[in-house]
């Protein structure tokens, strides 16, 4: 019996016929999960530092580096994630792109470290927040497709924390609690993804092909 992590192509029965999962498919999933793992690790370390030390002048540059690693890893995951609806996939990538541009803009526009800028300047957090909208899209997708408890919780937690801080609606203790919950559940999510069956993240390739044919048929010749 061929194992699902074998380099040999494996044939599966899809909704519209048979399809194979090959080495390239498995590599794409490994990159997706690896990106999530790096993003979760960077976020967890950054959160630990914030809750332990606070956003100080000394620790802010470290947080900036961790945020850069988080953002880049998330971008890689968004390149390799499998989503049946292409417009939704492109939207998440666009949101990440807007967040990345806003982050660069904030980094070069203000004299203080990026972490302090995001914490102290709502306009900067608003732009950078698009990155977290894209991340929330991943959480929602995973909750919808795999019924994962941690992503069901993370889907509302992220916007509540970001918007609550942006508009000053949350007390400091509430922000710290939500931030800690986010970091813990993000790590749980990334760890569980590492042990999930590989075909789950690839999906039914016949559905991708069917939707592609439907889009081609709607394009006027």
N, C-alpha and C. Protein backbone atom coordinates (compact mmCIF):
# COMPACT_ATOMS: atom_id res chain seq x y z
N UNK A 1 0.85 -1.20 0.00
CA UNK A 1 0.00 0.00 0.00
C UNK A 1 0.89 1.25 0.00
N UNK A 2 0.60 2.19 -0.86
CA UNK A 2 1.37 3.43 -0.96
C UNK A 2 0.91 4.39 0.11
N UNK A 3 1.84 4.93 0.90
CA UNK A 3 1.49 5.88 1.93
C UNK A 3 1.29 7.26 1.32
N UNK A 4 0.49 8.08 2.01
CA UNK A 4 0.16 9.40 1.46
C UNK A 4 1.36 10.33 1.41
N UNK A 5 2.42 10.04 2.16
CA UNK A 5 3.62 10.87 2.10
C UNK A 5 4.66 10.31 1.15
N UNK A 6 4.27 9.32 0.36
CA UNK A 6 5.18 8.75 -0.63
C UNK A 6 5.38 9.72 -1.77
N UNK A 7 6.54 9.60 -2.48
CA UNK A 7 6.78 10.44 -3.64
C UNK A 7 5.99 9.95 -4.86
N UNK A 8 5.44 8.74 -4.79
CA UNK A 8 4.68 8.20 -5.91
C UNK A 8 3.30 8.85 -5.97
N UNK A 9 2.79 9.11 -7.22
CA UNK A 9 1.43 9.64 -7.34
C UNK A 9 0.40 8.67 -6.79
N UNK A 10 -0.62 9.19 -6.12
CA UNK A 10 -1.68 8.37 -5.56
C UNK A 10 -2.99 8.79 -6.21
N UNK A 11 -3.80 7.80 -6.61
CA UNK A 11 -5.06 8.07 -7.29
C UNK A 11 -6.19 8.12 -6.27
N UNK A 12 -7.02 9.17 -6.36
CA UNK A 12 -8.18 9.34 -5.49
C UNK A 12 -9.42 9.52 -6.35
N UNK A 13 -10.57 9.22 -5.77
CA UNK A 13 -11.84 9.43 -6.45
C UNK A 13 -12.40 10.77 -6.05
N UNK A 14 -12.57 11.65 -7.01
CA UNK A 14 -13.12 12.97 -6.75
C UNK A 14 -14.56 13.07 -7.16
N UNK A 15 -15.14 14.24 -7.01
CA UNK A 15 -16.54 14.46 -7.33
C UNK A 15 -16.81 14.33 -8.82
N UNK A 16 -15.82 14.69 -9.65
CA UNK A 16 -16.01 14.67 -11.09
C UNK A 16 -15.05 13.68 -11.78
N UNK A 17 -14.62 12.68 -11.05
CA UNK A 17 -13.73 11.68 -11.62
C UNK A 17 -12.52 11.43 -10.74
N UNK A 18 -11.55 10.74 -11.29
CA UNK A 18 -10.35 10.42 -10.53
C UNK A 18 -9.31 11.54 -10.66
N UNK A 19 -8.46 11.66 -9.66
CA UNK A 19 -7.36 12.60 -9.72
C UNK A 19 -6.18 12.02 -8.95
N UNK A 20 -5.01 12.55 -9.22
CA UNK A 20 -3.81 12.07 -8.53
C UNK A 20 -3.20 13.17 -7.69
N UNK A 21 -2.60 12.75 -6.60
CA UNK A 21 -1.83 13.65 -5.74
C UNK A 21 -0.37 13.26 -5.91
N UNK A 22 0.41 14.19 -6.41
CA UNK A 22 1.81 13.88 -6.71
C UNK A 22 2.75 14.65 -5.78
N UNK A 23 4.02 14.56 -6.09
CA UNK A 23 5.05 15.17 -5.25
C UNK A 23 4.89 16.68 -5.17
N UNK A 24 4.55 17.32 -6.28
CA UNK A 24 4.38 18.78 -6.28
C UNK A 24 3.22 19.20 -5.38
N UNK A 25 2.14 18.43 -5.40
CA UNK A 25 1.01 18.73 -4.53
C UNK A 25 1.42 18.67 -3.06
N UNK A 26 2.14 17.62 -2.71
CA UNK A 26 2.56 17.45 -1.33
C UNK A 26 3.56 18.54 -0.92
N UNK A 27 4.41 18.94 -1.85
CA UNK A 27 5.36 20.01 -1.55
C UNK A 27 4.62 21.32 -1.28
N UNK A 28 3.59 21.60 -2.07
CA UNK A 28 2.81 22.81 -1.87
C UNK A 28 2.15 22.84 -0.50
N UNK A 29 1.61 21.71 -0.08
CA UNK A 29 0.99 21.64 1.24
C UNK A 29 2.03 21.80 2.34
N UNK A 30 3.19 21.17 2.15
CA UNK A 30 4.26 21.30 3.14
C UNK A 30 4.70 22.76 3.29
N UNK A 31 4.78 23.48 2.17
CA UNK A 31 5.15 24.90 2.23
C UNK A 31 4.07 25.70 2.93
N UNK A 32 2.81 25.42 2.61
CA UNK A 32 1.68 26.10 3.26
C UNK A 32 1.73 25.91 4.77
N UNK A 33 1.90 24.68 5.19
CA UNK A 33 1.92 24.39 6.62
C UNK A 33 3.19 24.94 7.28
N UNK A 34 4.30 24.87 6.56
CA UNK A 34 5.53 25.44 7.11
C UNK A 34 5.43 26.93 7.31
N UNK A 35 4.81 27.62 6.35
CA UNK A 35 4.60 29.07 6.49
C UNK A 35 3.74 29.39 7.70
N UNK A 36 2.68 28.61 7.90
CA UNK A 36 1.83 28.82 9.07
C UNK A 36 2.60 28.58 10.36
N UNK A 37 3.44 27.55 10.37
CA UNK A 37 4.21 27.23 11.57
C UNK A 37 5.18 28.35 11.91
N UNK A 38 5.86 28.90 10.90
CA UNK A 38 6.80 30.00 11.14
C UNK A 38 6.04 31.25 11.60
N UNK A 39 4.91 31.53 10.95
CA UNK A 39 4.11 32.69 11.35
C UNK A 39 3.63 32.55 12.79
N UNK A 40 3.16 31.35 13.14
CA UNK A 40 2.68 31.12 14.50
C UNK A 40 3.80 31.25 15.52
N UNK A 41 4.99 30.72 15.17
CA UNK A 41 6.12 30.80 16.09
C UNK A 41 6.55 32.26 16.31
N UNK A 42 6.65 33.02 15.23
CA UNK A 42 7.02 34.44 15.34
C UNK A 42 5.99 35.20 16.18
N UNK A 43 4.73 34.91 15.92
CA UNK A 43 3.66 35.60 16.65
C UNK A 43 3.69 35.23 18.13
N UNK A 44 3.90 33.95 18.42
CA UNK A 44 3.92 33.50 19.81
C UNK A 44 5.10 34.10 20.58
N UNK A 45 6.27 34.13 19.96
CA UNK A 45 7.45 34.72 20.62
C UNK A 45 7.23 36.22 20.84
N UNK A 46 6.72 36.89 19.81
CA UNK A 46 6.44 38.32 19.95
C UNK A 46 5.43 38.61 21.04
N UNK A 47 4.38 37.80 21.09
CA UNK A 47 3.36 37.98 22.12
C UNK A 47 3.93 37.76 23.51
N UNK A 48 4.76 36.73 23.65
CA UNK A 48 5.39 36.47 24.94
C UNK A 48 6.23 37.66 25.39
N UNK A 49 6.98 38.24 24.48
CA UNK A 49 7.81 39.39 24.82
C UNK A 49 6.95 40.60 25.21
N UNK A 50 5.86 40.81 24.48
CA UNK A 50 4.98 41.94 24.78
C UNK A 50 4.33 41.79 26.14
N UNK A 51 3.83 40.58 26.43
CA UNK A 51 3.16 40.37 27.72
C UNK A 51 4.14 40.37 28.89
N UNK A 52 5.39 40.02 28.61
CA UNK A 52 6.40 39.96 29.66
C UNK A 52 7.08 41.31 29.89
N UNK A 53 7.47 41.95 28.77
CA UNK A 53 8.25 43.18 28.86
C UNK A 53 7.45 44.44 28.50
N UNK A 54 6.37 44.26 27.72
CA UNK A 54 5.67 45.41 27.18
C UNK A 54 6.35 45.88 25.90
N UNK A 55 5.72 46.84 25.22
CA UNK A 55 6.28 47.38 23.98
C UNK A 55 7.24 48.51 24.36
N UNK A 56 8.46 48.16 24.70
CA UNK A 56 9.46 49.13 25.14
C UNK A 56 10.41 49.47 23.99
N UNK A 57 11.18 50.54 24.19
CA UNK A 57 12.16 50.95 23.18
C UNK A 57 13.20 49.85 22.95
N UNK A 58 13.55 49.14 24.01
CA UNK A 58 14.59 48.11 23.90
C UNK A 58 14.10 46.89 23.12
N UNK A 59 12.86 46.52 23.33
CA UNK A 59 12.37 45.27 22.73
C UNK A 59 11.68 45.51 21.40
N UNK A 60 11.34 46.75 21.09
CA UNK A 60 10.61 47.06 19.87
C UNK A 60 11.31 46.58 18.59
N UNK A 61 12.65 46.75 18.45
CA UNK A 61 13.31 46.25 17.23
C UNK A 61 13.19 44.74 17.06
N UNK A 62 13.22 44.01 18.17
CA UNK A 62 13.05 42.56 18.10
C UNK A 62 11.64 42.22 17.60
N UNK A 63 10.66 42.96 18.10
CA UNK A 63 9.28 42.74 17.66
C UNK A 63 9.13 43.06 16.18
N UNK A 64 9.84 44.07 15.70
CA UNK A 64 9.79 44.40 14.28
C UNK A 64 10.30 43.24 13.44
N UNK A 65 11.42 42.64 13.85
CA UNK A 65 11.95 41.49 13.13
C UNK A 65 11.01 40.31 13.16
N UNK A 66 10.41 40.06 14.30
CA UNK A 66 9.46 38.95 14.42
C UNK A 66 8.23 39.20 13.55
N UNK A 67 7.78 40.44 13.51
CA UNK A 67 6.63 40.76 12.67
C UNK A 67 6.97 40.56 11.19
N UNK A 68 8.19 40.94 10.80
CA UNK A 68 8.60 40.72 9.42
C UNK A 68 8.59 39.24 9.06
N UNK A 69 9.11 38.40 9.96
CA UNK A 69 9.08 36.96 9.72
C UNK A 69 7.66 36.43 9.65
N UNK A 70 6.81 36.91 10.55
CA UNK A 70 5.41 36.51 10.55
C UNK A 70 4.73 36.87 9.23
N UNK A 71 4.92 38.10 8.79
CA UNK A 71 4.25 38.57 7.58
C UNK A 71 4.73 37.83 6.33
N UNK A 72 6.05 37.65 6.20
CA UNK A 72 6.58 36.94 5.04
C UNK A 72 6.11 35.48 5.01
N UNK A 73 6.13 34.83 6.16
CA UNK A 73 5.69 33.44 6.22
C UNK A 73 4.21 33.32 5.87
N UNK A 74 3.41 34.27 6.35
CA UNK A 74 1.99 34.27 6.01
C UNK A 74 1.78 34.46 4.52
N UNK A 75 2.58 35.35 3.91
CA UNK A 75 2.49 35.56 2.47
C UNK A 75 2.80 34.31 1.68
N UNK A 76 3.80 33.55 2.12
CA UNK A 76 4.14 32.28 1.46
C UNK A 76 2.98 31.30 1.57
N UNK A 77 2.37 31.22 2.76
CA UNK A 77 1.23 30.32 2.94
C UNK A 77 0.07 30.71 2.02
N UNK A 78 -0.13 32.01 1.84
CA UNK A 78 -1.23 32.46 0.98
C UNK A 78 -0.95 32.18 -0.50
N UNK A 79 0.31 32.01 -0.85
CA UNK A 79 0.63 31.62 -2.22
C UNK A 79 0.32 30.15 -2.49
N UNK A 80 0.40 29.32 -1.46
CA UNK A 80 0.29 27.88 -1.66
C UNK A 80 -0.98 27.27 -1.08
N UNK A 81 -1.82 28.06 -0.42
CA UNK A 81 -3.06 27.54 0.12
C UNK A 81 -3.99 27.10 -1.01
N UNK A 82 -4.75 26.04 -0.79
CA UNK A 82 -5.71 25.55 -1.78
C UNK A 82 -7.10 26.03 -1.39
N UNK A 83 -7.69 26.88 -2.23
CA UNK A 83 -9.04 27.39 -2.04
C UNK A 83 -9.79 27.23 -3.35
N UNK A 84 -10.94 26.59 -3.30
CA UNK A 84 -11.69 26.33 -4.53
C UNK A 84 -12.08 27.62 -5.25
N UNK A 85 -12.50 28.64 -4.49
CA UNK A 85 -12.95 29.89 -5.11
C UNK A 85 -11.75 30.79 -5.38
N UNK A 86 -11.38 30.90 -6.63
CA UNK A 86 -10.22 31.70 -7.01
C UNK A 86 -10.36 33.17 -6.59
N UNK A 87 -11.55 33.80 -6.76
CA UNK A 87 -11.67 35.20 -6.32
C UNK A 87 -11.38 35.37 -4.83
N UNK A 88 -11.79 34.41 -4.01
CA UNK A 88 -11.51 34.50 -2.58
C UNK A 88 -10.01 34.36 -2.32
N UNK A 89 -9.37 33.45 -3.03
CA UNK A 89 -7.93 33.26 -2.89
C UNK A 89 -7.20 34.55 -3.25
N UNK A 90 -7.57 35.15 -4.37
CA UNK A 90 -6.93 36.39 -4.80
C UNK A 90 -7.21 37.53 -3.83
N UNK A 91 -8.41 37.55 -3.26
CA UNK A 91 -8.75 38.60 -2.30
C UNK A 91 -7.86 38.51 -1.06
N UNK A 92 -7.66 37.32 -0.55
CA UNK A 92 -6.79 37.16 0.62
C UNK A 92 -5.36 37.59 0.30
N UNK A 93 -4.89 37.25 -0.89
CA UNK A 93 -3.55 37.67 -1.29
C UNK A 93 -3.48 39.19 -1.42
N UNK A 94 -4.53 39.80 -1.96
CA UNK A 94 -4.57 41.26 -2.10
C UNK A 94 -4.56 41.93 -0.74
N UNK A 95 -5.35 41.40 0.19
CA UNK A 95 -5.38 41.97 1.54
C UNK A 95 -4.02 41.89 2.20
N UNK A 96 -3.36 40.75 2.03
CA UNK A 96 -2.01 40.62 2.58
C UNK A 96 -1.08 41.65 1.94
N UNK A 97 -1.19 41.83 0.62
CA UNK A 97 -0.35 42.79 -0.08
C UNK A 97 -0.56 44.20 0.42
N UNK A 98 -1.83 44.57 0.64
CA UNK A 98 -2.12 45.91 1.17
C UNK A 98 -1.50 46.07 2.55
N UNK A 99 -1.63 45.04 3.38
CA UNK A 99 -1.04 45.09 4.71
C UNK A 99 0.47 45.19 4.67
N UNK A 100 1.09 44.47 3.74
CA UNK A 100 2.55 44.51 3.61
C UNK A 100 3.02 45.90 3.17
N UNK A 101 2.33 46.48 2.21
CA UNK A 101 2.68 47.83 1.74
C UNK A 101 2.51 48.85 2.86
N UNK A 102 1.40 48.71 3.60
CA UNK A 102 1.16 49.63 4.71
C UNK A 102 2.24 49.49 5.79
N UNK A 103 2.72 48.27 5.98
CA UNK A 103 3.77 48.04 6.97
C UNK A 103 5.06 48.74 6.55
N UNK A 104 5.43 48.60 5.28
CA UNK A 104 6.63 49.27 4.78
C UNK A 104 6.48 50.78 4.89
N UNK A 105 5.30 51.27 4.54
CA UNK A 105 5.03 52.71 4.64
C UNK A 105 5.19 53.20 6.08
N UNK A 106 4.64 52.45 7.02
CA UNK A 106 4.74 52.85 8.43
C UNK A 106 6.19 52.81 8.91
N UNK A 107 6.93 51.81 8.43
CA UNK A 107 8.32 51.66 8.88
C UNK A 107 9.20 52.81 8.42
N UNK A 108 8.91 53.35 7.23
CA UNK A 108 9.75 54.43 6.69
C UNK A 108 9.20 55.82 7.00
N UNK A 109 7.95 55.89 7.46
CA UNK A 109 7.32 57.19 7.66
C UNK A 109 7.45 57.72 9.08
N UNK A 110 7.70 56.83 10.04
CA UNK A 110 7.75 57.25 11.43
C UNK A 110 9.11 56.91 12.03
N UNK A 111 9.58 57.74 12.95
CA UNK A 111 10.94 57.54 13.47
C UNK A 111 11.08 56.38 14.44
N UNK A 112 10.00 56.05 15.16
CA UNK A 112 10.11 54.99 16.15
C UNK A 112 10.04 53.61 15.49
N UNK A 113 10.36 52.58 16.26
CA UNK A 113 10.31 51.21 15.76
C UNK A 113 8.88 50.85 15.35
N UNK A 114 8.77 49.92 14.43
CA UNK A 114 7.47 49.56 13.85
C UNK A 114 6.48 49.14 14.91
N UNK A 115 6.92 48.36 15.89
CA UNK A 115 5.99 47.88 16.92
C UNK A 115 5.38 49.04 17.69
N UNK A 116 6.20 50.03 18.00
CA UNK A 116 5.68 51.21 18.69
C UNK A 116 4.74 52.00 17.80
N UNK A 117 5.06 52.08 16.52
CA UNK A 117 4.18 52.78 15.59
C UNK A 117 2.81 52.12 15.55
N UNK A 118 2.79 50.80 15.43
CA UNK A 118 1.52 50.07 15.36
C UNK A 118 0.73 50.22 16.65
N UNK A 119 1.44 50.26 17.77
CA UNK A 119 0.76 50.34 19.07
C UNK A 119 0.23 51.74 19.35
N UNK A 120 0.96 52.75 18.90
CA UNK A 120 0.64 54.13 19.29
C UNK A 120 -0.12 54.91 18.23
N UNK A 121 -0.05 54.47 16.97
CA UNK A 121 -0.65 55.26 15.89
C UNK A 121 -1.76 54.45 15.20
N UNK A 122 -3.02 54.80 15.44
CA UNK A 122 -4.14 54.05 14.87
C UNK A 122 -4.11 53.96 13.34
N UNK A 123 -3.66 55.03 12.67
CA UNK A 123 -3.68 55.02 11.21
C UNK A 123 -2.73 53.95 10.68
N UNK A 124 -1.60 53.75 11.34
CA UNK A 124 -0.66 52.71 10.92
C UNK A 124 -1.24 51.33 11.17
N UNK A 125 -1.85 51.14 12.33
CA UNK A 125 -2.46 49.85 12.65
C UNK A 125 -3.58 49.52 11.68
N UNK A 126 -4.33 50.56 11.26
CA UNK A 126 -5.42 50.33 10.31
C UNK A 126 -4.88 49.72 9.01
N UNK A 127 -3.78 50.29 8.50
CA UNK A 127 -3.22 49.75 7.26
C UNK A 127 -2.61 48.38 7.44
N UNK A 128 -1.83 48.22 8.51
CA UNK A 128 -1.22 46.92 8.78
C UNK A 128 -2.27 45.87 9.09
N UNK A 129 -3.42 46.31 9.56
CA UNK A 129 -4.48 45.38 9.92
C UNK A 129 -4.99 44.54 8.78
N UNK A 130 -4.77 44.98 7.53
CA UNK A 130 -5.20 44.17 6.40
C UNK A 130 -4.48 42.82 6.36
N UNK A 131 -3.26 42.78 6.88
CA UNK A 131 -2.55 41.51 7.00
C UNK A 131 -3.32 40.55 7.89
N UNK A 132 -3.87 41.08 8.97
CA UNK A 132 -4.61 40.24 9.91
C UNK A 132 -5.99 39.87 9.37
N UNK A 133 -6.53 40.70 8.48
CA UNK A 133 -7.76 40.32 7.79
C UNK A 133 -7.50 39.08 6.93
N UNK A 134 -6.36 39.08 6.23
CA UNK A 134 -6.00 37.91 5.41
C UNK A 134 -5.80 36.68 6.29
N UNK A 135 -5.15 36.85 7.44
CA UNK A 135 -4.96 35.73 8.35
C UNK A 135 -6.30 35.22 8.86
N UNK A 136 -7.21 36.13 9.17
CA UNK A 136 -8.54 35.72 9.61
C UNK A 136 -9.26 34.94 8.52
N UNK A 137 -9.00 35.30 7.26
CA UNK A 137 -9.57 34.53 6.15
C UNK A 137 -9.10 33.08 6.15
N UNK A 138 -7.82 32.88 6.48
CA UNK A 138 -7.31 31.51 6.59
C UNK A 138 -8.00 30.78 7.74
N UNK A 139 -8.14 31.46 8.88
CA UNK A 139 -8.82 30.84 10.01
C UNK A 139 -10.24 30.44 9.63
N UNK A 140 -10.94 31.35 8.95
CA UNK A 140 -12.33 31.07 8.55
C UNK A 140 -12.39 29.89 7.60
N UNK A 141 -11.47 29.85 6.63
CA UNK A 141 -11.44 28.75 5.68
C UNK A 141 -11.21 27.42 6.39
N UNK A 142 -10.28 27.41 7.32
CA UNK A 142 -9.97 26.18 8.05
C UNK A 142 -11.13 25.77 8.95
N UNK A 143 -11.80 26.75 9.56
CA UNK A 143 -12.96 26.44 10.40
C UNK A 143 -14.10 25.86 9.56
N UNK A 144 -14.32 26.45 8.39
CA UNK A 144 -15.40 26.01 7.51
C UNK A 144 -15.13 24.63 6.92
N UNK A 145 -13.89 24.40 6.49
CA UNK A 145 -13.55 23.14 5.81
C UNK A 145 -13.34 21.98 6.78
N UNK A 146 -12.74 22.26 7.94
CA UNK A 146 -12.32 21.17 8.83
C UNK A 146 -12.94 21.23 10.22
N UNK A 147 -13.80 22.21 10.44
CA UNK A 147 -14.55 22.29 11.71
C UNK A 147 -13.62 22.32 12.92
N UNK A 148 -12.52 23.06 12.81
CA UNK A 148 -11.55 23.11 13.89
C UNK A 148 -11.98 24.12 14.95
N UNK A 149 -11.97 23.68 16.21
CA UNK A 149 -12.43 24.54 17.29
C UNK A 149 -11.56 25.78 17.42
N UNK A 150 -10.21 25.61 17.33
CA UNK A 150 -9.33 26.76 17.55
C UNK A 150 -9.55 27.84 16.49
N UNK A 151 -9.81 27.44 15.24
CA UNK A 151 -10.02 28.46 14.21
C UNK A 151 -11.42 29.08 14.31
N UNK A 152 -12.38 28.34 14.86
CA UNK A 152 -13.69 28.93 15.11
C UNK A 152 -13.58 30.04 16.15
N UNK A 153 -12.70 29.86 17.11
CA UNK A 153 -12.50 30.89 18.13
C UNK A 153 -11.67 32.04 17.58
N UNK A 154 -10.62 31.72 16.82
CA UNK A 154 -9.73 32.75 16.30
C UNK A 154 -10.43 33.66 15.30
N UNK A 155 -11.38 33.15 14.54
CA UNK A 155 -12.04 33.96 13.52
C UNK A 155 -12.66 35.23 14.10
N UNK A 156 -13.37 35.18 15.23
CA UNK A 156 -13.86 36.44 15.82
C UNK A 156 -12.86 37.14 16.72
N UNK A 157 -11.94 36.38 17.35
CA UNK A 157 -11.02 36.98 18.31
C UNK A 157 -10.12 38.02 17.64
N UNK A 158 -9.61 37.71 16.45
CA UNK A 158 -8.67 38.63 15.78
C UNK A 158 -9.30 39.99 15.48
N UNK A 159 -10.46 40.03 14.79
CA UNK A 159 -11.04 41.36 14.54
C UNK A 159 -11.48 42.08 15.80
N UNK A 160 -11.94 41.33 16.81
CA UNK A 160 -12.34 41.98 18.07
C UNK A 160 -11.14 42.67 18.71
N UNK A 161 -9.99 42.00 18.73
CA UNK A 161 -8.81 42.59 19.34
C UNK A 161 -8.29 43.78 18.53
N UNK A 162 -8.17 43.60 17.21
CA UNK A 162 -7.62 44.68 16.37
C UNK A 162 -8.53 45.90 16.41
N UNK A 163 -9.82 45.69 16.18
CA UNK A 163 -10.75 46.83 16.16
C UNK A 163 -10.93 47.41 17.55
N UNK A 164 -10.91 46.54 18.57
CA UNK A 164 -11.05 47.03 19.94
C UNK A 164 -9.90 47.94 20.33
N UNK A 165 -8.68 47.58 19.92
CA UNK A 165 -7.53 48.44 20.21
C UNK A 165 -7.57 49.70 19.34
N UNK A 166 -7.96 49.53 18.08
CA UNK A 166 -7.97 50.64 17.14
C UNK A 166 -8.89 51.77 17.61
N UNK A 167 -10.05 51.38 18.16
CA UNK A 167 -11.03 52.38 18.58
C UNK A 167 -11.08 52.57 20.10
N UNK A 168 -10.12 51.96 20.80
CA UNK A 168 -10.05 52.15 22.25
C UNK A 168 -11.22 51.57 23.01
N UNK A 169 -11.76 50.46 22.54
CA UNK A 169 -12.94 49.88 23.15
C UNK A 169 -12.63 48.83 24.20
N UNK A 170 -11.40 48.35 24.24
CA UNK A 170 -11.03 47.29 25.15
C UNK A 170 -10.12 47.79 26.26
N UNK A 171 -10.33 47.33 27.49
CA UNK A 171 -9.38 47.66 28.56
C UNK A 171 -8.07 46.92 28.32
N UNK A 172 -7.01 47.41 28.95
CA UNK A 172 -5.69 46.80 28.75
C UNK A 172 -5.68 45.33 29.12
N UNK A 173 -6.34 44.98 30.21
CA UNK A 173 -6.35 43.57 30.63
C UNK A 173 -7.09 42.71 29.60
N UNK A 174 -8.12 43.27 28.98
CA UNK A 174 -8.85 42.52 27.94
C UNK A 174 -7.99 42.31 26.71
N UNK A 175 -7.23 43.32 26.32
CA UNK A 175 -6.35 43.20 25.17
C UNK A 175 -5.28 42.14 25.42
N UNK A 176 -4.71 42.14 26.62
CA UNK A 176 -3.67 41.17 26.95
C UNK A 176 -4.23 39.75 26.94
N UNK A 177 -5.43 39.59 27.45
CA UNK A 177 -6.04 38.26 27.49
C UNK A 177 -6.33 37.75 26.08
N UNK A 178 -6.87 38.60 25.24
CA UNK A 178 -7.17 38.20 23.86
C UNK A 178 -5.90 37.93 23.08
N UNK A 179 -4.86 38.74 23.31
CA UNK A 179 -3.59 38.53 22.62
C UNK A 179 -2.98 37.18 23.01
N UNK A 180 -3.02 36.86 24.30
CA UNK A 180 -2.49 35.58 24.77
C UNK A 180 -3.30 34.42 24.19
N UNK A 181 -4.62 34.56 24.17
CA UNK A 181 -5.47 33.51 23.60
C UNK A 181 -5.17 33.31 22.13
N UNK A 182 -4.99 34.40 21.40
CA UNK A 182 -4.67 34.34 19.98
C UNK A 182 -3.37 33.58 19.76
N UNK A 183 -2.34 33.93 20.52
CA UNK A 183 -1.03 33.30 20.34
C UNK A 183 -1.10 31.79 20.63
N UNK A 184 -1.76 31.42 21.72
CA UNK A 184 -1.85 30.01 22.09
C UNK A 184 -2.61 29.22 21.03
N UNK A 185 -3.76 29.73 20.61
CA UNK A 185 -4.57 29.00 19.64
C UNK A 185 -3.92 28.97 18.26
N UNK A 186 -3.16 29.99 17.92
CA UNK A 186 -2.44 30.00 16.65
C UNK A 186 -1.41 28.87 16.63
N UNK A 187 -0.69 28.70 17.73
CA UNK A 187 0.29 27.61 17.83
C UNK A 187 -0.41 26.26 17.78
N UNK A 188 -1.53 26.14 18.49
CA UNK A 188 -2.30 24.88 18.46
C UNK A 188 -2.73 24.57 17.03
N UNK A 189 -3.21 25.58 16.34
CA UNK A 189 -3.65 25.41 14.95
C UNK A 189 -2.50 24.94 14.07
N UNK A 190 -1.35 25.59 14.17
CA UNK A 190 -0.20 25.22 13.34
C UNK A 190 0.29 23.81 13.66
N UNK A 191 0.30 23.44 14.92
CA UNK A 191 0.74 22.09 15.30
C UNK A 191 -0.22 21.03 14.79
N UNK A 192 -1.50 21.30 14.89
CA UNK A 192 -2.47 20.31 14.40
C UNK A 192 -2.42 20.15 12.88
N UNK A 193 -2.11 21.25 12.20
CA UNK A 193 -1.96 21.16 10.74
C UNK A 193 -0.82 20.23 10.36
N UNK A 194 0.23 20.21 11.17
CA UNK A 194 1.40 19.38 10.85
C UNK A 194 1.06 17.90 10.83
N UNK A 195 0.02 17.51 11.58
CA UNK A 195 -0.34 16.10 11.68
C UNK A 195 -1.61 15.76 10.91
N UNK A 196 -2.15 16.73 10.19
CA UNK A 196 -3.36 16.48 9.41
C UNK A 196 -3.02 15.70 8.15
N UNK A 197 -3.95 14.88 7.70
CA UNK A 197 -3.73 14.10 6.48
C UNK A 197 -3.45 15.04 5.30
N UNK A 198 -2.42 14.72 4.54
CA UNK A 198 -1.98 15.58 3.44
C UNK A 198 -3.08 15.87 2.42
N UNK A 199 -3.88 14.88 1.99
CA UNK A 199 -4.91 15.17 0.97
C UNK A 199 -5.94 16.20 1.41
N UNK A 200 -6.14 16.36 2.73
CA UNK A 200 -7.14 17.32 3.21
C UNK A 200 -6.85 18.73 2.71
N UNK A 201 -5.58 19.13 2.75
CA UNK A 201 -5.20 20.48 2.35
C UNK A 201 -5.08 20.63 0.83
N UNK A 202 -5.01 19.52 0.13
CA UNK A 202 -4.94 19.58 -1.34
C UNK A 202 -6.34 19.74 -1.92
N UNK A 203 -7.28 19.03 -1.32
CA UNK A 203 -8.66 19.12 -1.78
C UNK A 203 -8.92 18.22 -2.98
N UNK A 204 -10.12 18.34 -3.50
CA UNK A 204 -10.55 17.55 -4.66
C UNK A 204 -10.11 18.29 -5.93
N UNK A 205 -9.08 17.77 -6.59
CA UNK A 205 -8.54 18.45 -7.76
C UNK A 205 -9.52 18.46 -8.94
N UNK A 206 -10.48 17.54 -8.95
CA UNK A 206 -11.47 17.56 -10.03
C UNK A 206 -12.40 18.76 -9.88
N UNK A 207 -12.62 19.20 -8.65
CA UNK A 207 -13.45 20.40 -8.44
C UNK A 207 -12.71 21.63 -8.95
N UNK A 208 -11.40 21.71 -8.67
CA UNK A 208 -10.61 22.83 -9.20
C UNK A 208 -10.69 22.85 -10.73
N UNK A 209 -10.55 21.68 -11.34
CA UNK A 209 -10.59 21.61 -12.80
C UNK A 209 -11.97 21.97 -13.33
N UNK A 210 -13.01 21.51 -12.66
CA UNK A 210 -14.38 21.84 -13.09
C UNK A 210 -14.63 23.34 -13.02
N UNK A 211 -14.23 23.96 -11.92
CA UNK A 211 -14.43 25.40 -11.78
C UNK A 211 -13.60 26.17 -12.81
N UNK A 212 -12.42 25.67 -13.12
CA UNK A 212 -11.59 26.30 -14.14
C UNK A 212 -12.28 26.25 -15.49
N UNK A 213 -12.87 25.10 -15.82
CA UNK A 213 -13.58 24.95 -17.09
C UNK A 213 -14.80 25.88 -17.14
N UNK A 214 -15.48 26.01 -15.99
CA UNK A 214 -16.63 26.90 -15.95
C UNK A 214 -16.23 28.36 -16.19
N UNK A 215 -15.11 28.76 -15.62
CA UNK A 215 -14.63 30.13 -15.85
C UNK A 215 -14.26 30.33 -17.31
N UNK A 216 -13.61 29.32 -17.90
CA UNK A 216 -13.20 29.43 -19.31
C UNK A 216 -14.41 29.51 -20.21
N UNK A 217 -15.46 28.79 -19.86
CA UNK A 217 -16.67 28.78 -20.69
C UNK A 217 -17.38 30.13 -20.66
N UNK A 218 -17.22 30.87 -19.56
CA UNK A 218 -17.88 32.18 -19.45
C UNK A 218 -17.11 33.30 -20.13
N UNK A 219 -15.85 33.03 -20.46
CA UNK A 219 -15.03 34.04 -21.13
C UNK A 219 -15.39 34.07 -22.60
N UNK A 220 -15.84 35.20 -23.15
CA UNK A 220 -16.20 35.26 -24.57
C UNK A 220 -14.99 35.04 -25.47
N UNK A 221 -15.19 34.31 -26.53
CA UNK A 221 -14.08 34.02 -27.46
C UNK A 221 -13.88 35.16 -28.43
